Amino acid sequence: VHYPALFERMGTLGYSGWVGCEYRPQAETRAGLGWGKP
């Protein structure tokens, strides 16, 4: 799944709610947060 495209579409639709990150980190949580820097 290419989440940046989905996030972009949420924005153009005007989504103002939350996006819950409900995933299992592959290792230590902080080490895997690079995807969320933008």
ModelCIF file with pLDDT and N, C-alpha, C, O atoms, coordinates in Angstrom:
data_MODEL
#
_entry.id   MODEL 
#
_entity.id                         1 
_entity.type                       polymer 
_entity.pdbx_number_of_molecules   1 
#
_entity_poly.entity_id                      1 
_entity_poly.type                           'polypeptide(L)' 
_entity_poly.nstd_linkage                   no 
_entity_poly.nstd_monomer                   no 
_entity_poly.pdbx_seq_one_letter_code       VHYPALFERMGTLGYSGWVGCEYRPQAETRAGLGWGKP 
_entity_poly.pdbx_seq_one_letter_code_can   VHYPALFERMGTLGYSGWVGCEYRPQAETRAGLGWGKP 
_entity_poly.pdbx_strand_id                 A 
#
loop_
_entity_poly_seq.entity_id 
_entity_poly_seq.num 
_entity_poly_seq.mon_id 
_entity_poly_seq.hetero 
1 1  VAL n 
1 2  HIS n 
1 3  TYR n 
1 4  PRO n 
1 5  ALA n 
1 6  LEU n 
1 7  PHE n 
1 8  GLU n 
1 9  ARG n 
1 10 MET n 
1 11 GLY n 
1 12 THR n 
1 13 LEU n 
1 14 GLY n 
1 15 TYR n 
1 16 SER n 
1 17 GLY n 
1 18 TRP n 
1 19 VAL n 
1 20 GLY n 
1 21 CYS n 
1 22 GLU n 
1 23 TYR n 
1 24 ARG n 
1 25 PRO n 
1 26 GLN n 
1 27 ALA n 
1 28 GLU n 
1 29 THR n 
1 30 ARG n 
1 31 ALA n 
1 32 GLY n 
1 33 LEU n 
1 34 GLY n 
1 35 TRP n 
1 36 GLY n 
1 37 LYS n 
1 38 PRO n 
#
_struct_asym.id          A 
_struct_asym.entity_id   1 
#
loop_
_ma_qa_metric.id 
_ma_qa_metric.mode 
_ma_qa_metric.name 
_ma_qa_metric.software_group_id 
_ma_qa_metric.type 
1 global pLDDT . pLDDT 
2 local  pLDDT . pLDDT 
#
_ma_qa_metric_global.metric_id      1 
_ma_qa_metric_global.metric_value   97.05 
_ma_qa_metric_global.model_id       1 
_ma_qa_metric_global.ordinal_id     1 
#
loop_
_ma_qa_metric_local.label_asym_id 
_ma_qa_metric_local.label_comp_id 
_ma_qa_metric_local.label_seq_id 
_ma_qa_metric_local.metric_id 
_ma_qa_metric_local.metric_value 
_ma_qa_metric_local.model_id 
_ma_qa_metric_local.ordinal_id 
A VAL 1  2 98.00 1 1  
A HIS 2  2 97.00 1 2  
A TYR 3  2 97.00 1 3  
A PRO 4  2 97.00 1 4  
A ALA 5  2 97.00 1 5  
A LEU 6  2 98.00 1 6  
A PHE 7  2 97.00 1 7  
A GLU 8  2 97.00 1 8  
A ARG 9  2 97.00 1 9  
A MET 10 2 98.00 1 10 
A GLY 11 2 96.00 1 11 
A THR 12 2 97.00 1 12 
A LEU 13 2 97.00 1 13 
A GLY 14 2 97.00 1 14 
A TYR 15 2 97.00 1 15 
A SER 16 2 95.00 1 16 
A GLY 17 2 96.00 1 17 
A TRP 18 2 98.00 1 18 
A VAL 19 2 98.00 1 19 
A GLY 20 2 98.00 1 20 
A CYS 21 2 98.00 1 21 
A GLU 22 2 98.00 1 22 
A TYR 23 2 98.00 1 23 
A ARG 24 2 98.00 1 24 
A PRO 25 2 98.00 1 25 
A GLN 26 2 97.00 1 26 
A ALA 27 2 96.00 1 27 
A GLU 28 2 96.00 1 28 
A THR 29 2 98.00 1 29 
A ARG 30 2 97.00 1 30 
A ALA 31 2 96.00 1 31 
A GLY 32 2 97.00 1 32 
A LEU 33 2 98.00 1 33 
A GLY 34 2 96.00 1 34 
A TRP 35 2 97.00 1 35 
A GLY 36 2 97.00 1 36 
A LYS 37 2 96.00 1 37 
A PRO 38 2 95.00 1 38 
#
loop_
_atom_site.group_PDB 
_atom_site.id 
_atom_site.type_symbol 
_atom_site.label_atom_id 
_atom_site.label_alt_id 
_atom_site.label_comp_id 
_atom_site.label_asym_id 
_atom_site.label_entity_id 
_atom_site.label_seq_id 
_atom_site.pdbx_PDB_ins_code 
_atom_site.Cartn_x 
_atom_site.Cartn_y 
_atom_site.Cartn_z 
_atom_site.occupancy 
_atom_site.B_iso_or_equiv 
_atom_site.pdbx_formal_charge 
_atom_site.auth_seq_id 
_atom_site.auth_comp_id 
_atom_site.auth_asym_id 
_atom_site.auth_atom_id 
_atom_site.pdbx_PDB_model_num 
ATOM 1   N N  . VAL A 1 1  ? 0.842   -1.202 0.000  1.00 98.00 ? 1  VAL A N  1 
ATOM 2   C CA . VAL A 1 1  ? 0.000   0.000  0.000  1.00 98.00 ? 1  VAL A CA 1 
ATOM 3   C C  . VAL A 1 1  ? 0.877   1.251  0.000  1.00 98.00 ? 1  VAL A C  1 
ATOM 4   O O  . VAL A 1 1  ? 1.823   1.359  0.780  1.00 98.00 ? 1  VAL A O  1 
ATOM 5   N N  . HIS A 1 2  ? 0.549   2.199  -0.888 1.00 97.00 ? 2  HIS A N  1 
ATOM 6   C CA . HIS A 1 2  ? 1.294   3.459  -0.977 1.00 97.00 ? 2  HIS A CA 1 
ATOM 7   C C  . HIS A 1 2  ? 0.530   4.523  -0.188 1.00 97.00 ? 2  HIS A C  1 
ATOM 8   O O  . HIS A 1 2  ? -0.340  5.208  -0.727 1.00 97.00 ? 2  HIS A O  1 
ATOM 9   N N  . TYR A 1 3  ? 0.867   4.650  1.094  1.00 97.00 ? 3  TYR A N  1 
ATOM 10  C CA . TYR A 1 3  ? 0.104   5.535  1.962  1.00 97.00 ? 3  TYR A CA 1 
ATOM 11  C C  . TYR A 1 3  ? 0.237   7.025  1.634  1.00 97.00 ? 3  TYR A C  1 
ATOM 12  O O  . TYR A 1 3  ? -0.727  7.759  1.851  1.00 97.00 ? 3  TYR A O  1 
ATOM 13  N N  . PRO A 1 4  ? 1.367   7.514  1.128  1.00 97.00 ? 4  PRO A N  1 
ATOM 14  C CA . PRO A 1 4  ? 1.405   8.937  0.782  1.00 97.00 ? 4  PRO A CA 1 
ATOM 15  C C  . PRO A 1 4  ? 0.286   9.354  -0.174 1.00 97.00 ? 4  PRO A C  1 
ATOM 16  O O  . PRO A 1 4  ? -0.264  10.444 -0.026 1.00 97.00 ? 4  PRO A O  1 
ATOM 17  N N  . ALA A 1 5  ? -0.058  8.523  -1.141 1.00 97.00 ? 5  ALA A N  1 
ATOM 18  C CA . ALA A 1 5  ? -1.149  8.853  -2.056 1.00 97.00 ? 5  ALA A CA 1 
ATOM 19  C C  . ALA A 1 5  ? -2.485  8.887  -1.335 1.00 97.00 ? 5  ALA A C  1 
ATOM 20  O O  . ALA A 1 5  ? -3.332  9.730  -1.631 1.00 97.00 ? 5  ALA A O  1 
ATOM 21  N N  . LEU A 1 6  ? -2.678  7.979  -0.395 1.00 98.00 ? 6  LEU A N  1 
ATOM 22  C CA . LEU A 1 6  ? -3.924  7.958  0.378  1.00 98.00 ? 6  LEU A CA 1 
ATOM 23  C C  . LEU A 1 6  ? -4.007  9.176  1.297  1.00 98.00 ? 6  LEU A C  1 
ATOM 24  O O  . LEU A 1 6  ? -5.074  9.774  1.438  1.00 98.00 ? 6  LEU A O  1 
ATOM 25  N N  . PHE A 1 7  ? -2.888  9.549  1.922  1.00 97.00 ? 7  PHE A N  1 
ATOM 26  C CA . PHE A 1 7  ? -2.881  10.744 2.762  1.00 97.00 ? 7  PHE A CA 1 
ATOM 27  C C  . PHE A 1 7  ? -3.192  11.999 1.937  1.00 97.00 ? 7  PHE A C  1 
ATOM 28  O O  . PHE A 1 7  ? -3.929  12.880 2.380  1.00 97.00 ? 7  PHE A O  1 
ATOM 29  N N  . GLU A 1 8  ? -2.626  12.063 0.751  1.00 97.00 ? 8  GLU A N  1 
ATOM 30  C CA . GLU A 1 8  ? -2.884  13.216 -0.115 1.00 97.00 ? 8  GLU A CA 1 
ATOM 31  C C  . GLU A 1 8  ? -4.373  13.311 -0.450 1.00 97.00 ? 8  GLU A C  1 
ATOM 32  O O  . GLU A 1 8  ? -4.952  14.397 -0.433 1.00 97.00 ? 8  GLU A O  1 
ATOM 33  N N  . ARG A 1 9  ? -4.987  12.171 -0.754 1.00 97.00 ? 9  ARG A N  1 
ATOM 34  C CA . ARG A 1 9  ? -6.411  12.183 -1.088 1.00 97.00 ? 9  ARG A CA 1 
ATOM 35  C C  . ARG A 1 9  ? -7.268  12.526 0.128  1.00 97.00 ? 9  ARG A C  1 
ATOM 36  O O  . ARG A 1 9  ? -8.277  13.217 -0.007 1.00 97.00 ? 9  ARG A O  1 
ATOM 37  N N  . MET A 1 10 ? -6.881  12.054 1.307  1.00 98.00 ? 10 MET A N  1 
ATOM 38  C CA . MET A 1 10 ? -7.594  12.450 2.519  1.00 98.00 ? 10 MET A CA 1 
ATOM 39  C C  . MET A 1 10 ? -7.589  13.968 2.650  1.00 98.00 ? 10 MET A C  1 
ATOM 40  O O  . MET A 1 10 ? -8.598  14.577 3.005  1.00 98.00 ? 10 MET A O  1 
ATOM 41  N N  . GLY A 1 11 ? -6.436  14.570 2.358  1.00 96.00 ? 11 GLY A N  1 
ATOM 42  C CA . GLY A 1 11 ? -6.329  16.019 2.460  1.00 96.00 ? 11 GLY A CA 1 
ATOM 43  C C  . GLY A 1 11 ? -7.221  16.741 1.481  1.00 96.00 ? 11 GLY A C  1 
ATOM 44  O O  . GLY A 1 11 ? -7.879  17.715 1.846  1.00 96.00 ? 11 GLY A O  1 
ATOM 45  N N  . THR A 1 12 ? -7.257  16.277 0.230  1.00 97.00 ? 12 THR A N  1 
ATOM 46  C CA . THR A 1 12 ? -8.093  16.964 -0.763 1.00 97.00 ? 12 THR A CA 1 
ATOM 47  C C  . THR A 1 12 ? -9.576  16.755 -0.488 1.00 97.00 ? 12 THR A C  1 
ATOM 48  O O  . THR A 1 12 ? -10.402 17.586 -0.864 1.00 97.00 ? 12 THR A O  1 
ATOM 49  N N  . LEU A 1 13 ? -9.914  15.654 0.162  1.00 97.00 ? 13 LEU A N  1 
ATOM 50  C CA . LEU A 1 13 ? -11.308 15.423 0.551  1.00 97.00 ? 13 LEU A CA 1 
ATOM 51  C C  . LEU A 1 13 ? -11.708 16.246 1.771  1.00 97.00 ? 13 LEU A C  1 
ATOM 52  O O  . LEU A 1 13 ? -12.893 16.415 2.057  1.00 97.00 ? 13 LEU A O  1 
ATOM 53  N N  . GLY A 1 14 ? -10.705 16.756 2.486  1.00 97.00 ? 14 GLY A N  1 
ATOM 54  C CA . GLY A 1 14 ? -10.984 17.572 3.655  1.00 97.00 ? 14 GLY A CA 1 
ATOM 55  C C  . GLY A 1 14 ? -11.068 16.796 4.947  1.00 97.00 ? 14 GLY A C  1 
ATOM 56  O O  . GLY A 1 14 ? -11.743 17.227 5.882  1.00 97.00 ? 14 GLY A O  1 
ATOM 57  N N  . TYR A 1 15 ? -10.392 15.651 5.022  1.00 97.00 ? 15 TYR A N  1 
ATOM 58  C CA . TYR A 1 15 ? -10.431 14.862 6.250  1.00 97.00 ? 15 TYR A CA 1 
ATOM 59  C C  . TYR A 1 15 ? -9.729  15.616 7.373  1.00 97.00 ? 15 TYR A C  1 
ATOM 60  O O  . TYR A 1 15 ? -8.576  16.022 7.229  1.00 97.00 ? 15 TYR A O  1 
ATOM 61  N N  . SER A 1 16 ? -10.421 15.799 8.480  1.00 95.00 ? 16 SER A N  1 
ATOM 62  C CA . SER A 1 16 ? -9.865  16.543 9.608  1.00 95.00 ? 16 SER A CA 1 
ATOM 63  C C  . SER A 1 16 ? -9.740  15.675 10.859 1.00 95.00 ? 16 SER A C  1 
ATOM 64  O O  . SER A 1 16 ? -9.397  16.173 11.931 1.00 95.00 ? 16 SER A O  1 
ATOM 65  N N  . GLY A 1 17 ? -10.019 14.384 10.721 1.00 96.00 ? 17 GLY A N  1 
ATOM 66  C CA . GLY A 1 17 ? -9.938  13.482 11.861 1.00 96.00 ? 17 GLY A CA 1 
ATOM 67  C C  . GLY A 1 17 ? -8.535  12.941 12.074 1.00 96.00 ? 17 GLY A C  1 
ATOM 68  O O  . GLY A 1 17 ? -7.555  13.458 11.538 1.00 96.00 ? 17 GLY A O  1 
ATOM 69  N N  . TRP A 1 18 ? -8.470  11.881 12.874 1.00 98.00 ? 18 TRP A N  1 
ATOM 70  C CA . TRP A 1 18 ? -7.199  11.262 13.211 1.00 98.00 ? 18 TRP A CA 1 
ATOM 71  C C  . TRP A 1 18 ? -6.934  10.056 12.326 1.00 98.00 ? 18 TRP A C  1 
ATOM 72  O O  . TRP A 1 18 ? -7.856  9.433  11.799 1.00 98.00 ? 18 TRP A O  1 
ATOM 73  N N  . VAL A 1 19 ? -5.647  9.740  12.174 1.00 98.00 ? 19 VAL A N  1 
ATOM 74  C CA . VAL A 1 19 ? -5.217  8.512  11.514 1.00 98.00 ? 19 VAL A CA 1 
ATOM 75  C C  . VAL A 1 19 ? -4.466  7.689  12.560 1.00 98.00 ? 19 VAL A C  1 
ATOM 76  O O  . VAL A 1 19 ? -3.367  8.051  12.979 1.00 98.00 ? 19 VAL A O  1 
ATOM 77  N N  . GLY A 1 20 ? -5.073  6.583  12.970 1.00 98.00 ? 20 GLY A N  1 
ATOM 78  C CA . GLY A 1 20 ? -4.482  5.737  13.991 1.00 98.00 ? 20 GLY A CA 1 
ATOM 79  C C  . GLY A 1 20 ? -3.448  4.793  13.407 1.00 98.00 ? 20 GLY A C  1 
ATOM 80  O O  . GLY A 1 20 ? -3.717  4.097  12.429 1.00 98.00 ? 20 GLY A O  1 
ATOM 81  N N  . CYS A 1 21 ? -2.265  4.768  14.006 1.00 98.00 ? 21 CYS A N  1 
ATOM 82  C CA . CYS A 1 21 ? -1.173  3.912  13.546 1.00 98.00 ? 21 CYS A CA 1 
ATOM 83  C C  . CYS A 1 21 ? -1.245  2.603  14.324 1.00 98.00 ? 21 CYS A C  1 
ATOM 84  O O  . CYS A 1 21 ? -0.657  2.459  15.396 1.00 98.00 ? 21 CYS A O  1 
ATOM 85  N N  . GLU A 1 22 ? -1.977  1.663  13.756 1.00 98.00 ? 22 GLU A N  1 
ATOM 86  C CA . GLU A 1 22 ? -2.258  0.394  14.430 1.00 98.00 ? 22 GLU A CA 1 
ATOM 87  C C  . GLU A 1 22 ? -1.470  -0.716 13.729 1.00 98.00 ? 22 GLU A C  1 
ATOM 88  O O  . GLU A 1 22 ? -2.030  -1.569 13.041 1.00 98.00 ? 22 GLU A O  1 
ATOM 89  N N  . TYR A 1 23 ? -0.160  -0.672 13.929 1.00 98.00 ? 23 TYR A N  1 
ATOM 90  C CA . TYR A 1 23 ? 0.705   -1.659 13.285 1.00 98.00 ? 23 TYR A CA 1 
ATOM 91  C C  . TYR A 1 23 ? 1.708   -2.211 14.290 1.00 98.00 ? 23 TYR A C  1 
ATOM 92  O O  . TYR A 1 23 ? 1.932   -1.633 15.353 1.00 98.00 ? 23 TYR A O  1 
ATOM 93  N N  . ARG A 1 24 ? 2.305   -3.342 13.929 1.00 98.00 ? 24 ARG A N  1 
ATOM 94  C CA . ARG A 1 24 ? 3.311   -3.986 14.767 1.00 98.00 ? 24 ARG A CA 1 
ATOM 95  C C  . ARG A 1 24 ? 4.697   -3.625 14.244 1.00 98.00 ? 24 ARG A C  1 
ATOM 96  O O  . ARG A 1 24 ? 5.061   -4.048 13.147 1.00 98.00 ? 24 ARG A O  1 
ATOM 97  N N  . PRO A 1 25 ? 5.474   -2.862 14.992 1.00 98.00 ? 25 PRO A N  1 
ATOM 98  C CA . PRO A 1 25 ? 6.821   -2.489 14.529 1.00 98.00 ? 25 PRO A CA 1 
ATOM 99  C C  . PRO A 1 25 ? 7.684   -3.722 14.281 1.00 98.00 ? 25 PRO A C  1 
ATOM 100 O O  . PRO A 1 25 ? 7.579   -4.728 14.983 1.00 98.00 ? 25 PRO A O  1 
ATOM 101 N N  . GLN A 1 26 ? 8.538   -3.617 13.266 1.00 97.00 ? 26 GLN A N  1 
ATOM 102 C CA . GLN A 1 26 ? 9.439   -4.731 12.970 1.00 97.00 ? 26 GLN A CA 1 
ATOM 103 C C  . GLN A 1 26 ? 10.516  -4.879 14.035 1.00 97.00 ? 26 GLN A C  1 
ATOM 104 O O  . GLN A 1 26 ? 11.034  -5.974 14.252 1.00 97.00 ? 26 GLN A O  1 
ATOM 105 N N  . ALA A 1 27 ? 10.851  -3.781 14.696 1.00 96.00 ? 27 ALA A N  1 
ATOM 106 C CA . ALA A 1 27 ? 11.858  -3.806 15.752 1.00 96.00 ? 27 ALA A CA 1 
ATOM 107 C C  . ALA A 1 27 ? 11.434  -2.780 16.807 1.00 96.00 ? 27 ALA A C  1 
ATOM 108 O O  . ALA A 1 27 ? 10.248  -2.679 17.124 1.00 96.00 ? 27 ALA A O  1 
ATOM 109 N N  . GLU A 1 28 ? 12.367  -2.037 17.342 1.00 96.00 ? 28 GLU A N  1 
ATOM 110 C CA . GLU A 1 28 ? 12.032  -0.985 18.311 1.00 96.00 ? 28 GLU A CA 1 
ATOM 111 C C  . GLU A 1 28 ? 11.202  0.093  17.621 1.00 96.00 ? 28 GLU A C  1 
ATOM 112 O O  . GLU A 1 28 ? 11.519  0.490  16.499 1.00 96.00 ? 28 GLU A O  1 
ATOM 113 N N  . THR A 1 29 ? 10.166  0.561  18.263 1.00 98.00 ? 29 THR A N  1 
ATOM 114 C CA . THR A 1 29 ? 9.185   1.442  17.605 1.00 98.00 ? 29 THR A CA 1 
ATOM 115 C C  . THR A 1 29 ? 9.836   2.667  16.989 1.00 98.00 ? 29 THR A C  1 
ATOM 116 O O  . THR A 1 29 ? 9.589   2.979  15.824 1.00 98.00 ? 29 THR A O  1 
ATOM 117 N N  . ARG A 1 30 ? 10.651  3.354  17.743 1.00 97.00 ? 30 ARG A N  1 
ATOM 118 C CA . ARG A 1 30 ? 11.209  4.632  17.295 1.00 97.00 ? 30 ARG A CA 1 
ATOM 119 C C  . ARG A 1 30 ? 12.058  4.448  16.037 1.00 97.00 ? 30 ARG A C  1 
ATOM 120 O O  . ARG A 1 30 ? 12.101  5.324  15.173 1.00 97.00 ? 30 ARG A O  1 
ATOM 121 N N  . ALA A 1 31 ? 12.731  3.300  15.944 1.00 96.00 ? 31 ALA A N  1 
ATOM 122 C CA . ALA A 1 31 ? 13.605  3.060  14.794 1.00 96.00 ? 31 ALA A CA 1 
ATOM 123 C C  . ALA A 1 31 ? 12.834  2.951  13.490 1.00 96.00 ? 31 ALA A C  1 
ATOM 124 O O  . ALA A 1 31 ? 13.398  3.152  12.414 1.00 96.00 ? 31 ALA A O  1 
ATOM 125 N N  . GLY A 1 32 ? 11.562  2.638  13.579 1.00 97.00 ? 32 GLY A N  1 
ATOM 126 C CA . GLY A 1 32 ? 10.763  2.456  12.383 1.00 97.00 ? 32 GLY A CA 1 
ATOM 127 C C  . GLY A 1 32 ? 9.858   3.613  12.030 1.00 97.00 ? 32 GLY A C  1 
ATOM 128 O O  . GLY A 1 32 ? 8.967   3.460  11.195 1.00 97.00 ? 32 GLY A O  1 
ATOM 129 N N  . LEU A 1 33 ? 10.063  4.777  12.647 1.00 98.00 ? 33 LEU A N  1 
ATOM 130 C CA . LEU A 1 33 ? 9.158   5.914  12.430 1.00 98.00 ? 33 LEU A CA 1 
ATOM 131 C C  . LEU A 1 33 ? 9.591   6.837  11.299 1.00 98.00 ? 33 LEU A C  1 
ATOM 132 O O  . LEU A 1 33 ? 8.986   7.889  11.094 1.00 98.00 ? 33 LEU A O  1 
ATOM 133 N N  . GLY A 1 34 ? 10.622  6.459  10.568 1.00 96.00 ? 34 GLY A N  1 
ATOM 134 C CA . GLY A 1 34 ? 11.071  7.320  9.473  1.00 96.00 ? 34 GLY A CA 1 
ATOM 135 C C  . GLY A 1 34 ? 9.990   7.595  8.446  1.00 96.00 ? 34 GLY A C  1 
ATOM 136 O O  . GLY A 1 34 ? 9.974   8.662  7.833  1.00 96.00 ? 34 GLY A O  1 
ATOM 137 N N  . TRP A 1 35 ? 9.087   6.646  8.250  1.00 97.00 ? 35 TRP A N  1 
ATOM 138 C CA . TRP A 1 35 ? 7.998   6.851  7.283  1.00 97.00 ? 35 TRP A CA 1 
ATOM 139 C C  . TRP A 1 35 ? 7.145   8.054  7.632  1.00 97.00 ? 35 TRP A C  1 
ATOM 140 O O  . TRP A 1 35 ? 6.546   8.664  6.746  1.00 97.00 ? 35 TRP A O  1 
ATOM 141 N N  . GLY A 1 36 ? 7.078   8.411  8.926  1.00 97.00 ? 36 GLY A N  1 
ATOM 142 C CA . GLY A 1 36 ? 6.170   9.455  9.378  1.00 97.00 ? 36 GLY A CA 1 
ATOM 143 C C  . GLY A 1 36 ? 6.771   10.842 9.481  1.00 97.00 ? 36 GLY A C  1 
ATOM 144 O O  . GLY A 1 36 ? 6.102   11.768 9.938  1.00 97.00 ? 36 GLY A O  1 
ATOM 145 N N  . LYS A 1 37 ? 8.019   11.009 9.066  1.00 96.00 ? 37 LYS A N  1 
ATOM 146 C CA . LYS A 1 37 ? 8.663   12.319 9.201  1.00 96.00 ? 37 LYS A CA 1 
ATOM 147 C C  . LYS A 1 37 ? 7.906   13.438 8.479  1.00 96.00 ? 37 LYS A C  1 
ATOM 148 O O  . LYS A 1 37 ? 7.809   14.538 9.024  1.00 96.00 ? 37 LYS A O  1 
ATOM 149 N N  . PRO A 1 38 ? 7.364   13.208 7.275  1.00 95.00 ? 38 PRO A N  1 
ATOM 150 C CA . PRO A 1 38 ? 6.610   14.303 6.622  1.00 95.00 ? 38 PRO A CA 1 
ATOM 151 C C  . PRO A 1 38 ? 5.376   14.738 7.400  1.00 95.00 ? 38 PRO A C  1 
ATOM 152 O O  . PRO A 1 38 ? 4.660   15.640 6.968  1.00 95.00 ? 38 PRO A O  1 
#
